[in-house]
Amino acid sequence: MAEHPHYPVLYNEIIHALQPRSGGVYVDGTLGAGGHAEGILNASSPDGLLLGLDVDPQAIEIARVKLATFGARVVIRQASYTSIGDQLEALGWREVNGVLLDLGVSSMQLDNPERGFSFSKEAPLDMRFSPENPTRAADLINDLSEQDLTELIYWYGEERSARQIAKAIVKARPIETTTRLAEIVSQAMGYRAARSRAKSGKYEKKLLHPATRTFQALRITVNRELETLEAGLPTVMQVLAPGGRLAVIAFHSLEDKIVKDFFRRESKDCICPPRQPVCTCGHRANLIELGRTPIRPTDEEIHINPRSRSARLRLAEKLAH
């Protein structure tokens, strides 16, 4: 059973941004438990349509139950949002009026110890969104070289202590459980000493667990999250109708940078090098950014759902040529 109720992050902001309407067609490319999808379907009643995609079969089953009352207005498929074009073609839906991508790991995945996403309870080192993925976190931990582990933890976890963590991991192999990996990382970073120096409960709450960034790096690598995002954004833009909107919620600076750079590039008529005197790229702006800075959760939302604190929402609208 989940330890935390499911709160769709930036729920009100998403509904306001996508502006669902009756007769509109929408895609939730990262369906999860269906919280955002439910809001979009309610706002687009009585005849708005929604396609929900997710690679996680457990999420699909939860969402099917949650959204069952909408009947034929919702179609749910176990698939990545990178296949959005094929999915829409199979349904005979040419264009859509809005797409949501809520990136990263969901609360229900974190709270299910069997999935291996969290270090709070002992579980196999898995971290796969989809069971069809052949690579587990344990495979990376036990098979990669010390140098490769260092780079993985440094770049995807943005962890400054990546080298000493990788060295400790290699020395302690084989490692098969979440709690064992968390213990190794903690010892490598001197976490126990850091906790003993904490003098107040307030400090304790703010202290980031030393394994957080390492677990994040492994999850991102196992599920190829950044590669999926880079491949998926152009595909999503292609299926948007003129005036259609794309909303992306990122929880990691690397994800957010990919989204920001894509929006900036696709909002320009020319992407040639700045000093090139004549344009040779032939590129035309495909979208307009709706705000240059990301939308962040309110203090009230963070209080209710602490996991929303790192969320950043970026919005774009498809241009008509």
Protein backbone atom coordinates (compact mmCIF):
# COMPACT_ATOMS: atom_id res chain seq x y z
CA MET A 1 0.00 0.00 0.00
CA ALA A 2 1.27 3.46 -0.85
CA GLU A 3 2.61 5.52 2.02
CA HIS A 4 1.51 8.78 0.41
CA PRO A 5 -1.71 9.64 -1.45
CA HIS A 6 -1.29 10.47 -5.11
CA TYR A 7 -1.19 14.21 -5.78
CA PRO A 8 -0.94 15.27 -9.44
CA VAL A 9 1.86 17.86 -9.43
CA LEU A 10 0.92 21.39 -10.57
CA TYR A 11 -2.61 20.14 -11.26
CA ASN A 12 -4.35 23.51 -11.48
CA GLU A 13 -1.51 24.99 -13.52
CA ILE A 14 -1.74 22.12 -16.04
CA ILE A 15 -5.50 22.48 -16.52
CA HIS A 16 -5.11 26.25 -16.95
CA ALA A 17 -2.23 25.82 -19.41
CA LEU A 18 -3.79 23.16 -21.66
CA GLN A 19 -7.22 24.86 -21.66
CA PRO A 20 -9.17 21.63 -22.29
CA ARG A 21 -12.45 22.20 -24.15
CA SER A 22 -15.38 20.18 -25.35
CA GLY A 23 -14.54 18.42 -28.61
CA GLY A 24 -10.80 18.71 -28.01
CA VAL A 25 -8.31 15.83 -28.31
CA TYR A 26 -5.54 15.45 -25.73
CA VAL A 27 -2.66 13.13 -24.83
CA ASP A 28 -1.23 12.39 -21.41
CA GLY A 29 2.08 10.88 -22.48
CA THR A 30 3.05 9.85 -18.94
CA LEU A 31 -0.29 8.68 -17.58
CA GLY A 32 0.79 7.41 -14.16
CA ALA A 33 -2.19 7.05 -11.82
CA GLY A 34 -4.33 9.21 -14.11
CA GLY A 35 -4.71 12.28 -11.90
CA HIS A 36 -3.92 14.84 -14.60
CA ALA A 37 -5.86 12.84 -17.19
CA GLU A 38 -8.96 12.88 -14.99
CA GLY A 39 -8.75 16.66 -14.74
CA ILE A 40 -8.35 17.07 -18.51
CA LEU A 41 -11.33 14.80 -19.20
CA ASN A 42 -13.51 16.64 -16.69
CA ALA A 43 -12.56 20.01 -18.16
CA SER A 44 -13.21 18.84 -21.74
CA SER A 45 -16.61 17.29 -21.07
CA PRO A 46 -18.93 16.24 -22.49
CA ASP A 47 -17.08 14.93 -25.54
CA GLY A 48 -13.36 15.68 -25.26
CA LEU A 49 -11.07 12.72 -25.97
CA LEU A 50 -7.85 11.65 -24.29
CA LEU A 51 -5.15 9.12 -25.12
CA GLY A 52 -3.15 7.98 -22.08
CA LEU A 53 0.30 6.44 -22.58
CA ASP A 54 2.66 4.86 -20.05
CA VAL A 55 5.33 2.17 -20.20
CA ASP A 56 4.56 0.98 -16.66
CA PRO A 57 1.92 -1.81 -16.69
CA GLN A 58 1.09 -1.23 -13.01
CA ALA A 59 0.35 2.42 -13.72
CA ILE A 60 -1.83 1.41 -16.66
CA GLU A 61 -3.98 -0.85 -14.48
CA ILE A 62 -4.43 1.83 -11.80
CA ALA A 63 -5.35 4.44 -14.41
CA ARG A 64 -7.86 2.12 -16.12
CA VAL A 65 -9.79 1.80 -12.87
CA LYS A 66 -9.59 5.52 -12.09
CA LEU A 67 -10.73 6.63 -15.56
CA ALA A 68 -13.28 3.87 -16.24
CA THR A 69 -16.23 6.23 -15.74
CA PHE A 70 -15.22 8.22 -18.84
CA GLY A 71 -15.92 5.23 -21.08
CA ALA A 72 -15.00 5.64 -24.76
CA ARG A 73 -13.73 9.18 -24.18
CA VAL A 74 -10.42 7.77 -22.93
CA VAL A 75 -8.07 5.30 -24.64
CA ILE A 76 -5.19 3.82 -22.63
CA ARG A 77 -2.13 2.16 -24.13
CA GLN A 78 1.04 0.70 -22.62
CA ALA A 79 3.56 2.56 -24.75
CA SER A 80 6.16 5.32 -24.63
CA TYR A 81 5.24 8.85 -25.66
CA THR A 82 7.95 8.53 -28.33
CA SER A 83 5.42 6.39 -30.24
CA ILE A 84 2.69 9.04 -30.04
CA GLY A 85 2.49 9.40 -33.83
CA ASP A 86 1.89 5.68 -34.38
CA GLN A 87 -0.61 5.52 -31.53
CA LEU A 88 -2.65 8.39 -32.93
CA GLU A 89 -2.54 6.99 -36.46
CA ALA A 90 -3.87 3.65 -35.21
CA LEU A 91 -6.82 5.50 -33.64
CA GLY A 92 -7.41 7.68 -36.68
CA TRP A 93 -6.71 10.85 -34.69
CA ARG A 94 -4.81 13.25 -36.96
CA GLU A 95 -3.91 16.06 -34.57
CA VAL A 96 -4.29 16.85 -30.90
CA ASN A 97 -4.99 20.04 -29.02
CA GLY A 98 -2.75 19.42 -26.05
CA VAL A 99 -0.05 17.08 -24.73
CA LEU A 100 1.22 16.62 -21.17
CA LEU A 101 4.55 15.04 -20.24
CA ASP A 102 5.06 14.61 -16.48
CA LEU A 103 8.61 13.30 -16.36
CA GLY A 104 10.49 11.24 -13.80
CA VAL A 105 9.35 8.72 -11.21
CA SER A 106 5.88 8.81 -9.67
CA SER A 107 4.89 8.56 -6.01
CA MET A 108 3.28 5.17 -6.51
CA GLN A 109 6.53 3.83 -7.98
CA LEU A 110 8.59 5.27 -5.13
CA ASP A 111 6.21 3.90 -2.51
CA ASN A 112 6.21 0.36 -3.91
CA PRO A 113 9.35 -1.19 -2.35
CA GLU A 114 9.36 -4.06 -4.85
CA ARG A 115 10.19 -1.62 -7.66
CA GLY A 116 13.55 -0.72 -6.12
CA PHE A 117 13.31 3.05 -6.65
CA SER A 118 13.62 4.01 -2.98
CA PHE A 119 16.36 3.44 -0.42
CA SER A 120 13.95 3.63 2.54
CA LYS A 121 12.98 -0.07 2.38
CA GLU A 122 14.98 -3.13 1.38
CA ALA A 123 14.23 -4.32 -2.15
CA PRO A 124 16.05 -5.65 -5.22
CA LEU A 125 17.93 -2.99 -7.18
CA ASP A 126 15.53 -2.79 -10.10
CA MET A 127 14.32 0.78 -10.95
CA ARG A 128 12.75 -0.14 -14.30
CA PHE A 129 9.64 1.71 -15.43
CA SER A 130 8.82 -1.19 -17.74
CA PRO A 131 9.49 -4.90 -17.03
CA GLU A 132 10.33 -5.26 -20.72
CA ASN A 133 13.49 -3.24 -20.14
CA PRO A 134 16.37 -5.77 -19.90
CA THR A 135 18.63 -3.53 -17.79
CA ARG A 136 18.22 -3.28 -14.02
CA ALA A 137 20.03 -0.93 -11.66
CA ALA A 138 21.84 -3.95 -10.20
CA ASP A 139 23.31 -4.67 -13.64
CA LEU A 140 24.86 -1.21 -13.79
CA ILE A 141 26.10 -1.30 -10.20
CA ASN A 142 27.76 -4.69 -10.56
CA ASP A 143 28.96 -4.63 -14.18
CA LEU A 144 30.18 -1.11 -14.98
CA SER A 145 33.78 -0.08 -14.49
CA GLU A 146 34.69 2.32 -11.71
CA GLN A 147 35.28 5.06 -14.28
CA ASP A 148 31.91 4.50 -15.96
CA LEU A 149 30.14 4.49 -12.60
CA THR A 150 31.89 7.72 -11.66
CA GLU A 151 30.74 9.43 -14.84
CA LEU A 152 27.19 8.06 -14.52
CA ILE A 153 26.80 9.32 -10.93
CA TYR A 154 28.52 12.65 -11.66
CA TRP A 155 26.62 13.58 -14.83
CA TYR A 156 23.14 12.14 -14.19
CA GLY A 157 23.16 12.57 -10.42
CA GLU A 158 25.12 15.85 -10.41
CA GLU A 159 26.98 14.34 -7.48
CA ARG A 160 30.32 15.97 -6.58
CA SER A 161 31.40 12.92 -4.57
CA ALA A 162 30.89 10.57 -7.52
CA ARG A 163 34.47 9.28 -7.57
CA GLN A 164 34.56 8.19 -3.93
CA ILE A 165 31.08 6.68 -4.21
CA ALA A 166 32.02 4.66 -7.31
CA LYS A 167 35.20 3.44 -5.61
CA ALA A 168 33.22 2.27 -2.58
CA ILE A 169 30.64 0.52 -4.77
CA VAL A 170 33.27 -1.41 -6.73
CA LYS A 171 34.99 -2.47 -3.51
CA ALA A 172 31.71 -3.74 -2.00
CA ARG A 173 30.45 -5.74 -5.00
CA PRO A 174 28.23 -7.68 -5.48
CA ILE A 175 25.38 -5.38 -4.39
CA GLU A 176 21.80 -6.52 -4.91
CA THR A 177 19.54 -4.49 -2.62
CA THR A 178 18.53 -0.86 -2.27
CA THR A 179 19.36 -0.61 1.43
CA ARG A 180 22.82 -2.11 0.94
CA LEU A 181 23.62 0.40 -1.82
CA ALA A 182 22.31 3.28 0.31
CA GLU A 183 24.49 2.13 3.20
CA ILE A 184 27.61 1.99 1.01
CA VAL A 185 26.98 5.46 -0.40
CA SER A 186 26.29 6.85 3.07
CA GLN A 187 29.51 5.44 4.46
CA ALA A 188 31.48 6.72 1.49
CA MET A 189 30.21 10.24 2.16
CA GLY A 190 30.46 10.14 5.94
CA TYR A 191 26.70 10.51 6.38
CA ARG A 192 26.63 9.17 9.92
CA ALA A 193 29.08 11.83 11.01
CA ALA A 194 27.00 14.48 9.28
CA ARG A 195 23.86 13.32 11.09
CA SER A 196 25.62 13.31 14.44
CA ARG A 197 26.53 16.95 13.91
CA ALA A 198 22.90 17.93 13.27
CA LYS A 199 21.73 19.82 16.35
CA SER A 200 18.07 20.42 15.61
CA GLY A 201 15.06 18.63 14.16
CA LYS A 202 14.76 21.38 11.55
CA TYR A 203 18.27 20.64 10.28
CA GLU A 204 17.49 16.92 10.17
CA LYS A 205 14.53 17.52 7.83
CA LYS A 206 16.62 19.59 5.42
CA LEU A 207 19.48 17.13 5.29
CA LEU A 208 19.42 15.39 1.91
CA HIS A 209 20.07 11.66 2.13
CA PRO A 210 23.48 11.03 0.55
CA ALA A 211 22.15 8.23 -1.69
CA THR A 212 19.49 10.45 -3.31
CA ARG A 213 21.59 11.62 -6.24
CA THR A 214 23.15 8.20 -6.86
CA PHE A 215 19.72 6.55 -6.98
CA GLN A 216 18.52 9.31 -9.31
CA ALA A 217 21.46 8.76 -11.66
CA LEU A 218 20.82 5.02 -11.80
CA ARG A 219 17.10 5.47 -12.48
CA ILE A 220 17.72 7.96 -15.28
CA THR A 221 20.27 5.63 -16.88
CA VAL A 222 18.22 2.43 -16.51
CA ASN A 223 15.19 4.01 -18.19
CA ARG A 224 17.13 6.13 -20.70
CA GLU A 225 15.03 9.08 -19.59
CA LEU A 226 17.08 11.85 -21.18
CA GLU A 227 17.42 10.03 -24.51
CA THR A 228 13.68 9.35 -24.50
CA LEU A 229 12.93 13.01 -23.86
CA GLU A 230 15.23 14.21 -26.64
CA ALA A 231 13.64 11.78 -29.10
CA GLY A 232 10.09 12.40 -27.92
CA LEU A 233 9.83 16.20 -28.00
CA PRO A 234 10.09 16.58 -31.82
CA THR A 235 7.60 13.73 -32.29
CA VAL A 236 5.13 15.34 -29.91
CA MET A 237 5.39 18.70 -31.66
CA GLN A 238 4.55 17.07 -34.99
CA VAL A 239 1.17 15.82 -33.78
CA LEU A 240 0.04 19.10 -32.22
CA ALA A 241 -2.61 21.04 -34.12
CA PRO A 242 -1.95 24.75 -34.74
CA GLY A 243 -2.63 26.47 -31.43
CA GLY A 244 -2.17 23.18 -29.59
CA ARG A 245 -0.16 23.27 -26.41
CA LEU A 246 2.63 21.17 -24.94
CA ALA A 247 3.15 21.12 -21.16
CA VAL A 248 6.25 19.44 -19.71
CA ILE A 249 6.91 18.95 -15.99
CA ALA A 250 10.58 18.22 -15.23
CA PHE A 251 12.07 17.34 -11.85
CA HIS A 252 15.73 17.34 -12.79
CA SER A 253 17.92 20.14 -14.12
CA LEU A 254 19.13 18.02 -17.05
CA GLU A 255 15.54 17.27 -18.10
CA ASP A 256 14.58 20.91 -17.75
CA LYS A 257 17.56 22.01 -19.84
CA ILE A 258 16.58 19.65 -22.68
CA VAL A 259 13.04 21.05 -22.67
CA LYS A 260 14.21 24.66 -22.43
CA ASP A 261 16.75 24.27 -25.23
CA PHE A 262 14.18 22.55 -27.47
CA PHE A 263 11.59 25.28 -26.90
CA ARG A 264 14.14 28.03 -27.53
CA ARG A 265 15.43 26.42 -30.71
CA GLU A 266 11.99 25.69 -32.14
CA SER A 267 10.80 29.23 -31.42
CA LYS A 268 13.42 30.72 -33.79
CA ASP A 269 13.28 31.21 -37.55
CA CYS A 270 17.01 30.64 -37.89
CA ILE A 271 19.28 28.33 -35.88
CA CYS A 272 22.49 29.00 -37.80
CA PRO A 273 25.63 29.90 -35.78
CA PRO A 274 25.30 33.48 -34.43
CA ARG A 275 28.18 34.88 -36.49
CA GLN A 276 27.11 33.30 -39.78
CA PRO A 277 26.23 36.25 -42.08
CA VAL A 278 23.63 34.44 -44.21
CA CYS A 279 21.04 31.91 -43.07
CA THR A 280 21.50 28.49 -44.67
CA CYS A 281 19.49 26.31 -42.27
CA GLY A 282 16.04 27.10 -43.67
CA HIS A 283 14.57 26.56 -40.23
CA ARG A 284 11.22 28.15 -39.39
CA ALA A 285 9.78 28.71 -35.93
CA ASN A 286 7.31 25.97 -35.02
CA LEU A 287 6.21 27.16 -31.60
CA ILE A 288 6.09 30.02 -29.19
CA GLU A 289 7.22 29.72 -25.59
CA LEU A 290 4.54 30.64 -23.08
CA GLY A 291 6.85 32.23 -20.56
CA ARG A 292 10.63 32.18 -20.42
CA THR A 293 10.86 30.96 -16.84
CA PRO A 294 9.35 27.70 -15.56
CA ILE A 295 6.28 27.61 -13.34
CA ARG A 296 7.05 26.27 -9.86
CA PRO A 297 4.76 24.79 -7.18
CA THR A 298 3.34 27.13 -4.57
CA ASP A 299 4.44 26.90 -0.95
CA GLU A 300 1.01 25.46 -0.16
CA GLU A 301 1.44 22.63 -2.69
CA ILE A 302 4.93 21.85 -1.45
CA HIS A 303 3.58 21.65 2.11
CA ILE A 304 0.88 19.19 1.02
CA ASN A 305 3.14 17.24 -1.34
CA PRO A 306 6.87 17.70 -0.54
CA ARG A 307 7.82 15.66 -3.60
CA SER A 308 6.58 18.49 -5.81
CA ARG A 309 9.28 20.90 -4.60
CA SER A 310 11.64 20.35 -7.53
CA ALA A 311 8.94 20.41 -10.24
CA ARG A 312 9.33 22.88 -13.13
CA LEU A 313 6.62 23.35 -15.72
CA ARG A 314 7.41 24.73 -19.18
CA LEU A 315 4.77 25.51 -21.80
CA ALA A 316 4.76 26.01 -25.56
CA GLU A 317 2.12 26.58 -28.23
CA LYS A 318 2.25 25.29 -31.81
CA LEU A 319 2.37 27.98 -34.47
CA ALA A 320 0.28 27.91 -37.64
CA HIS A 321 2.24 28.30 -40.90
